[in-house]
C-alpha cells in the first residue's frame, strides 16, 4: 500500500486527474489516495508536511505527492517532507516557458477564467442537451445532436453521454433499444433519418445481468436469459442497420468516448 497525496493551492482537481492517470499504469500496486486542496499559505504547507511524515511512518515507505502549487515559498515548504514529488509546474510549465520564450502568469486558480469562455458555455449547453435527451426522453431537436448512442438498457449510454458533454462539449443523445424494436426488426422511427449520427454500445450479458440486478433484483429484466436475448437481438439489429458499435464491458468511459469521437469524426478539440 502506497499513500498518494494530490496537493494544490486551488481545488486540486487538476493534480488529481493527472495523478490518477499515472497511478492507473501500475495495476499491481494498491494506492491510498488523498486530495489536499487550498494549500495556499506556509502554515497550510507545514500541516501537509506533518501529514506526509505521518504517512511515511505508517506505511514504512515515503508517500507519493502530485502537486500543482503556484506559490514558490509554499511549494518549497511542502518539499521539506521526505516524499516522491511530482510537480506539475516544474515538469510542464518550466519547459513551456522555455519553449515560448516568456514566463507564465503563476496565478492561482488561473483555469477559473475559462468559465467565461465560449468553450465553457458550449460544455454547459452540451450537458443540458444530453440530460434532456437521456434514455430517449425527448425526440425534439435531435438534429442538433453530434452523436446518438443506442443500445440495450444499462449498457453505458448515459455515463458516456454526460462524460462527452462535460469533457468535450459534444451534444450526445442516447436512445434505448427495447424488445419492441427487436420484434419489428427495425430502428425506432425517430432515429431512422439520423442514421449517420448513430453509434451503438453493447455489453457482455453476464455483466449486464449483474448491473441490472442492482436496480431490479430477481426480475425478468435482470435475468441472464433475458440479457442474453436483448444483447444478441441488439447486435443483430445494429448489424442489419449498418450501425457502428463497440463492446463496453471492459472499457472505461474515457476509452469509449475516445473511440466514439474517432468513429463519428469529431475532433476532441471540437
Protein backbone atom coordinates (compact mmCIF):
# COMPACT_ATOMS: atom_id res chain seq x y z
CA UNK A 1 0.00 0.00 0.00
CA UNK A 2 1.38 3.39 -1.03
CA UNK A 3 -0.17 6.66 0.07
CA UNK A 4 -0.60 9.27 -2.64
CA UNK A 5 -1.39 12.93 -1.97
CA UNK A 6 -2.74 15.36 -4.57
CA UNK A 7 -1.80 18.76 -3.14
CA UNK A 8 -2.82 22.09 -4.63
CA UNK A 9 -3.32 25.73 -3.72
CA UNK A 10 -6.65 25.56 -5.56
CA UNK A 11 -9.23 22.75 -5.81
CA UNK A 12 -6.68 20.02 -6.56
CA UNK A 13 -8.81 18.55 -9.33
CA UNK A 14 -6.14 19.05 -11.99
CA UNK A 15 -3.43 17.41 -9.88
CA UNK A 16 -5.75 14.55 -9.00
CA UNK A 17 -6.74 13.99 -12.63
CA UNK A 18 -3.10 13.78 -13.73
CA UNK A 19 -2.16 11.69 -10.72
CA UNK A 20 -4.90 9.15 -11.21
CA UNK A 21 -3.87 8.74 -14.84
CA UNK A 22 -0.33 7.97 -13.74
CA UNK A 23 -1.44 5.55 -11.00
CA UNK A 24 -3.64 3.64 -13.43
CA UNK A 25 -0.49 2.42 -15.17
CA UNK A 26 0.57 0.42 -12.10
CA UNK A 27 -2.07 -2.27 -11.69
CA UNK A 28 -0.13 -4.37 -9.17
CA UNK A 29 0.13 -1.60 -6.57
CA UNK A 30 -2.57 -0.53 -4.11
CA UNK A 31 -2.81 3.21 -3.55
CA UNK A 32 -4.41 5.12 -0.69
CA UNK A 33 -5.34 8.44 -2.33
CA UNK A 34 -5.97 11.80 -0.64
CA UNK A 35 -6.70 15.18 -2.21
CA UNK A 36 -5.49 18.18 -0.18
CA UNK A 37 -6.85 21.40 -1.71
CA UNK A 38 -6.30 25.09 -0.87
CA UNK A 39 -2.75 24.78 0.46
CA UNK A 40 -2.16 28.48 -0.11
CA UNK A 41 -0.04 29.50 2.89
CA UNK A 42 3.13 28.40 4.66
CA UNK A 43 1.07 27.32 7.69
CA UNK A 44 -1.07 25.07 5.49
CA UNK A 45 2.08 23.73 3.87
CA UNK A 46 3.55 22.85 7.29
CA UNK A 47 0.37 20.93 8.08
CA UNK A 48 0.93 18.99 4.86
CA UNK A 49 4.49 18.18 5.91
CA UNK A 50 3.13 16.65 9.13
CA UNK A 51 0.60 14.56 7.19
CA UNK A 52 3.26 13.35 4.78
CA UNK A 53 5.57 12.44 7.64
CA UNK A 54 2.78 10.52 9.39
CA UNK A 55 2.03 8.64 6.17
CA UNK A 56 5.68 7.60 5.83
CA UNK A 57 5.77 6.34 9.42
CA UNK A 58 2.53 4.42 8.98
CA UNK A 59 3.37 2.81 5.63
CA UNK A 60 7.08 2.31 6.12
CA UNK A 61 7.74 3.92 2.73
CA UNK A 62 7.69 7.53 1.66
CA UNK A 63 4.44 8.83 0.15
CA UNK A 64 3.96 9.97 -3.43
CA UNK A 65 2.90 13.58 -3.91
CA UNK A 66 1.45 15.14 -7.07
CA UNK A 67 1.41 18.91 -6.66
CA UNK A 68 0.13 21.93 -8.55
CA UNK A 69 1.22 24.69 -6.16
CA UNK A 70 1.97 28.02 -7.81
CA UNK A 71 3.48 29.92 -4.87
CA UNK A 72 7.20 29.10 -4.73
CA UNK A 73 7.53 29.55 -0.95
CA UNK A 74 4.56 27.30 -0.24
CA UNK A 75 5.89 24.69 -2.67
CA UNK A 76 9.37 24.75 -1.02
CA UNK A 77 7.79 24.31 2.40
CA UNK A 78 5.83 21.23 1.35
CA UNK A 79 9.01 19.76 -0.13
CA UNK A 80 10.58 19.65 3.33
CA UNK A 81 8.85 16.28 3.74
CA UNK A 82 10.51 13.07 2.61
CA UNK A 83 8.36 12.08 -0.36
CA UNK A 84 8.45 11.50 -4.10
CA UNK A 85 7.28 14.83 -5.53
CA UNK A 86 5.77 15.07 -9.00
CA UNK A 87 5.41 18.81 -9.53
CA UNK A 88 3.18 19.77 -12.45
CA UNK A 89 4.68 23.25 -12.73
CA UNK A 90 8.25 22.01 -12.60
CA UNK A 91 7.68 19.30 -15.19
CA UNK A 92 5.31 21.11 -17.55
CA UNK A 93 5.22 24.89 -17.05
CA UNK A 94 9.00 25.30 -16.95
CA UNK A 95 9.59 23.65 -20.34
CA UNK A 96 6.66 25.63 -21.77
CA UNK A 97 8.18 28.90 -20.54
CA UNK A 98 11.48 27.99 -22.19
CA UNK A 99 9.83 26.95 -25.45
CA UNK A 100 7.58 30.03 -25.67
CA UNK A 101 10.25 32.45 -24.51
CA UNK A 102 8.13 34.06 -21.83
CA UNK A 103 7.25 33.45 -18.18
CA UNK A 104 3.88 32.04 -17.16
CA UNK A 105 1.44 34.09 -15.09
CA UNK A 106 1.98 31.93 -11.97
CA UNK A 107 -1.53 32.86 -10.87
CA UNK A 108 -3.51 30.64 -8.53
CA UNK A 109 -6.84 29.47 -9.98
CA UNK A 110 -5.97 30.74 -13.44
CA UNK A 111 -8.09 28.00 -15.03
CA UNK A 112 -11.22 29.50 -13.49
CA UNK A 113 -11.12 32.23 -16.12
CA UNK A 114 -12.12 29.57 -18.62
CA UNK A 115 -15.60 29.59 -17.11
CA UNK A 116 -16.44 32.76 -19.01
CA UNK A 117 -15.20 31.43 -22.31
CA UNK A 118 -17.23 30.21 -25.26
CA UNK A 119 -15.82 26.75 -24.61
CA UNK A 120 -17.29 26.70 -21.10
CA UNK A 121 -20.69 27.82 -22.36
CA UNK A 122 -20.60 25.16 -25.07
CA UNK A 123 -20.00 22.47 -22.49
CA UNK A 124 -22.90 23.68 -20.35
CA UNK A 125 -25.18 23.61 -23.40
CA UNK A 126 -23.99 20.10 -24.25
CA UNK A 127 -24.65 18.87 -20.71
CA UNK A 128 -28.17 20.32 -20.75
CA UNK A 129 -28.79 18.74 -24.15
CA UNK A 130 -27.58 15.32 -23.02
CA UNK A 131 -29.73 15.45 -19.87
CA UNK A 132 -32.79 16.44 -21.90
CA UNK A 133 -32.18 13.62 -24.38
CA UNK A 134 -31.23 10.89 -21.94
CA UNK A 135 -32.77 7.44 -22.42
CA UNK A 136 -34.98 8.60 -25.29
CA UNK A 137 -36.83 11.13 -23.11
CA UNK A 138 -37.20 13.61 -25.95
CA UNK A 139 -37.21 13.41 -29.75
CA UNK A 140 -37.13 17.18 -30.16
CA UNK A 141 -34.08 18.85 -31.67
CA UNK A 142 -32.32 15.54 -32.35
CA UNK A 143 -30.92 17.21 -35.43
CA UNK A 144 -28.68 19.20 -33.06
CA UNK A 145 -27.07 16.02 -31.71
CA UNK A 146 -23.47 15.38 -32.68
CA UNK A 147 -23.87 11.72 -31.70
CA UNK A 148 -26.80 9.48 -30.79
CA UNK A 149 -25.84 6.46 -28.73
CA UNK A 150 -28.04 3.37 -28.97
CA UNK A 151 -28.01 0.07 -27.10
CA UNK A 152 -29.86 -2.02 -24.56
CA UNK A 153 -30.70 -0.53 -21.18
CA UNK A 154 -27.68 -0.24 -18.83
CA UNK A 155 -25.02 -0.71 -21.49
CA UNK A 156 -23.23 2.54 -20.57
CA UNK A 157 -25.03 5.09 -22.73
CA UNK A 158 -25.86 7.68 -20.05
CA UNK A 159 -22.44 7.99 -18.37
CA UNK A 160 -20.75 8.10 -21.78
CA UNK A 161 -23.14 10.82 -22.96
CA UNK A 162 -22.52 13.01 -19.93
CA UNK A 163 -18.77 12.46 -19.98
CA UNK A 164 -18.55 13.51 -23.63
CA UNK A 165 -20.69 16.57 -22.93
CA UNK A 166 -18.69 17.67 -19.89
CA UNK A 167 -15.25 16.86 -21.26
CA UNK A 168 -15.59 17.85 -24.92
CA UNK A 169 -18.76 19.91 -25.23
CA UNK A 170 -20.26 17.32 -27.58
CA UNK A 171 -24.06 17.12 -27.74
CA UNK A 172 -24.94 13.47 -27.22
CA UNK A 173 -28.41 11.96 -27.14
CA UNK A 174 -28.93 8.35 -26.14
CA UNK A 175 -31.74 6.00 -27.02
CA UNK A 176 -32.53 2.53 -25.62
CA UNK A 177 -33.15 -0.42 -27.90
CA UNK A 178 -36.11 -2.34 -26.45
CA UNK A 179 -37.93 -5.64 -27.17
CA UNK A 180 -40.48 -3.85 -29.36
CA UNK A 181 -37.65 -2.74 -31.66
CA UNK A 182 -36.34 -6.31 -31.85
CA UNK A 183 -39.80 -7.67 -32.71
CA UNK A 184 -40.15 -5.17 -35.57
CA UNK A 185 -36.57 -5.76 -36.64
CA UNK A 186 -36.22 -2.03 -37.28
CA UNK A 187 -34.83 1.06 -35.66
CA UNK A 188 -37.26 3.34 -33.81
CA UNK A 189 -38.86 5.61 -36.40
CA UNK A 190 -37.47 8.72 -34.72
CA UNK A 191 -33.89 7.58 -35.36
CA UNK A 192 -34.01 6.45 -38.97
CA UNK A 193 -33.21 9.82 -40.53
CA UNK A 194 -30.28 10.30 -38.15
CA UNK A 195 -28.56 7.01 -39.01
CA UNK A 196 -25.16 8.68 -39.78
CA UNK A 197 -25.10 10.02 -36.22
CA UNK A 198 -25.84 6.67 -34.57
CA UNK A 199 -23.26 4.71 -32.61
CA UNK A 200 -24.06 1.55 -30.66
CA UNK A 201 -22.89 0.21 -27.32
CA UNK A 202 -23.15 -3.43 -26.37
CA UNK A 203 -22.08 -5.35 -23.27
CA UNK A 204 -21.46 -8.93 -22.13
CA UNK A 205 -24.77 -10.49 -20.98
CA UNK A 206 -23.40 -11.68 -17.63
CA UNK A 207 -22.10 -8.21 -16.80
CA UNK A 208 -25.39 -6.67 -17.92
CA UNK A 209 -27.26 -9.05 -15.64
CA UNK A 210 -25.10 -8.01 -12.67
CA UNK A 211 -25.73 -4.33 -13.32
CA UNK A 212 -29.47 -4.80 -13.72
CA UNK A 213 -29.68 -6.93 -10.56
CA UNK A 214 -28.52 -3.91 -8.59
CA UNK A 215 -31.52 -1.99 -9.91
CA UNK A 216 -34.25 -4.66 -10.12
CA UNK A 217 -33.24 -7.70 -8.12
CA UNK A 218 -34.65 -11.09 -9.18
CA UNK A 219 -36.59 -9.57 -12.10
CA UNK A 220 -37.06 -10.84 -15.66
CA UNK A 221 -35.39 -7.60 -16.75
CA UNK A 222 -32.19 -8.62 -14.93
CA UNK A 223 -32.26 -12.36 -15.67
CA UNK A 224 -29.28 -13.75 -17.54
CA UNK A 225 -31.51 -15.36 -20.20
CA UNK A 226 -33.24 -12.06 -20.93
CA UNK A 227 -29.94 -10.20 -21.02
CA UNK A 228 -28.56 -12.73 -23.49
CA UNK A 229 -31.63 -12.31 -25.67
CA UNK A 230 -31.52 -8.49 -25.63
CA UNK A 231 -27.79 -8.24 -26.29
CA UNK A 232 -27.96 -10.73 -29.17
CA UNK A 233 -31.02 -9.05 -30.68
CA UNK A 234 -29.49 -5.57 -30.36
CA UNK A 235 -26.28 -6.67 -32.08
CA UNK A 236 -28.22 -8.26 -34.92
CA UNK A 237 -30.28 -5.10 -35.35
CA UNK A 238 -27.20 -2.88 -35.38
CA UNK A 239 -25.51 -5.11 -37.96
CA UNK A 240 -28.59 -5.07 -40.14
CA UNK A 241 -28.88 -1.28 -39.92
CA UNK A 242 -25.18 -0.72 -40.54
CA UNK A 243 -24.59 0.94 -37.17
CA UNK A 244 -21.05 1.08 -35.82
CA UNK A 245 -20.79 -0.28 -32.29
CA UNK A 246 -18.37 -1.43 -29.61
CA UNK A 247 -18.41 -3.67 -26.55
CA UNK A 248 -18.26 -1.54 -23.40
CA UNK A 249 -17.73 -4.45 -20.96
CA UNK A 250 -14.04 -3.95 -20.28
CA UNK A 251 -13.61 -0.35 -21.39
CA UNK A 252 -13.52 2.80 -19.28
CA UNK A 253 -15.77 5.75 -20.05
CA UNK A 254 -12.71 7.61 -21.33
CA UNK A 255 -11.87 4.82 -23.76
CA UNK A 256 -15.44 4.55 -25.00
CA UNK A 257 -15.65 8.31 -25.56
CA UNK A 258 -12.36 8.39 -27.47
CA UNK A 259 -13.50 5.57 -29.77
CA UNK A 260 -16.88 7.19 -30.40
CA UNK A 261 -15.31 10.59 -31.16
CA UNK A 262 -12.94 8.99 -33.64
CA UNK A 263 -15.66 6.88 -35.25
CA UNK A 264 -18.00 9.80 -35.85
CA UNK A 265 -15.09 12.04 -36.85
CA UNK A 266 -15.41 14.61 -34.09
CA UNK A 267 -12.14 16.22 -33.06
CA UNK A 268 -11.60 16.31 -29.29
CA UNK A 269 -10.76 20.00 -29.59
CA UNK A 270 -14.19 20.45 -31.18
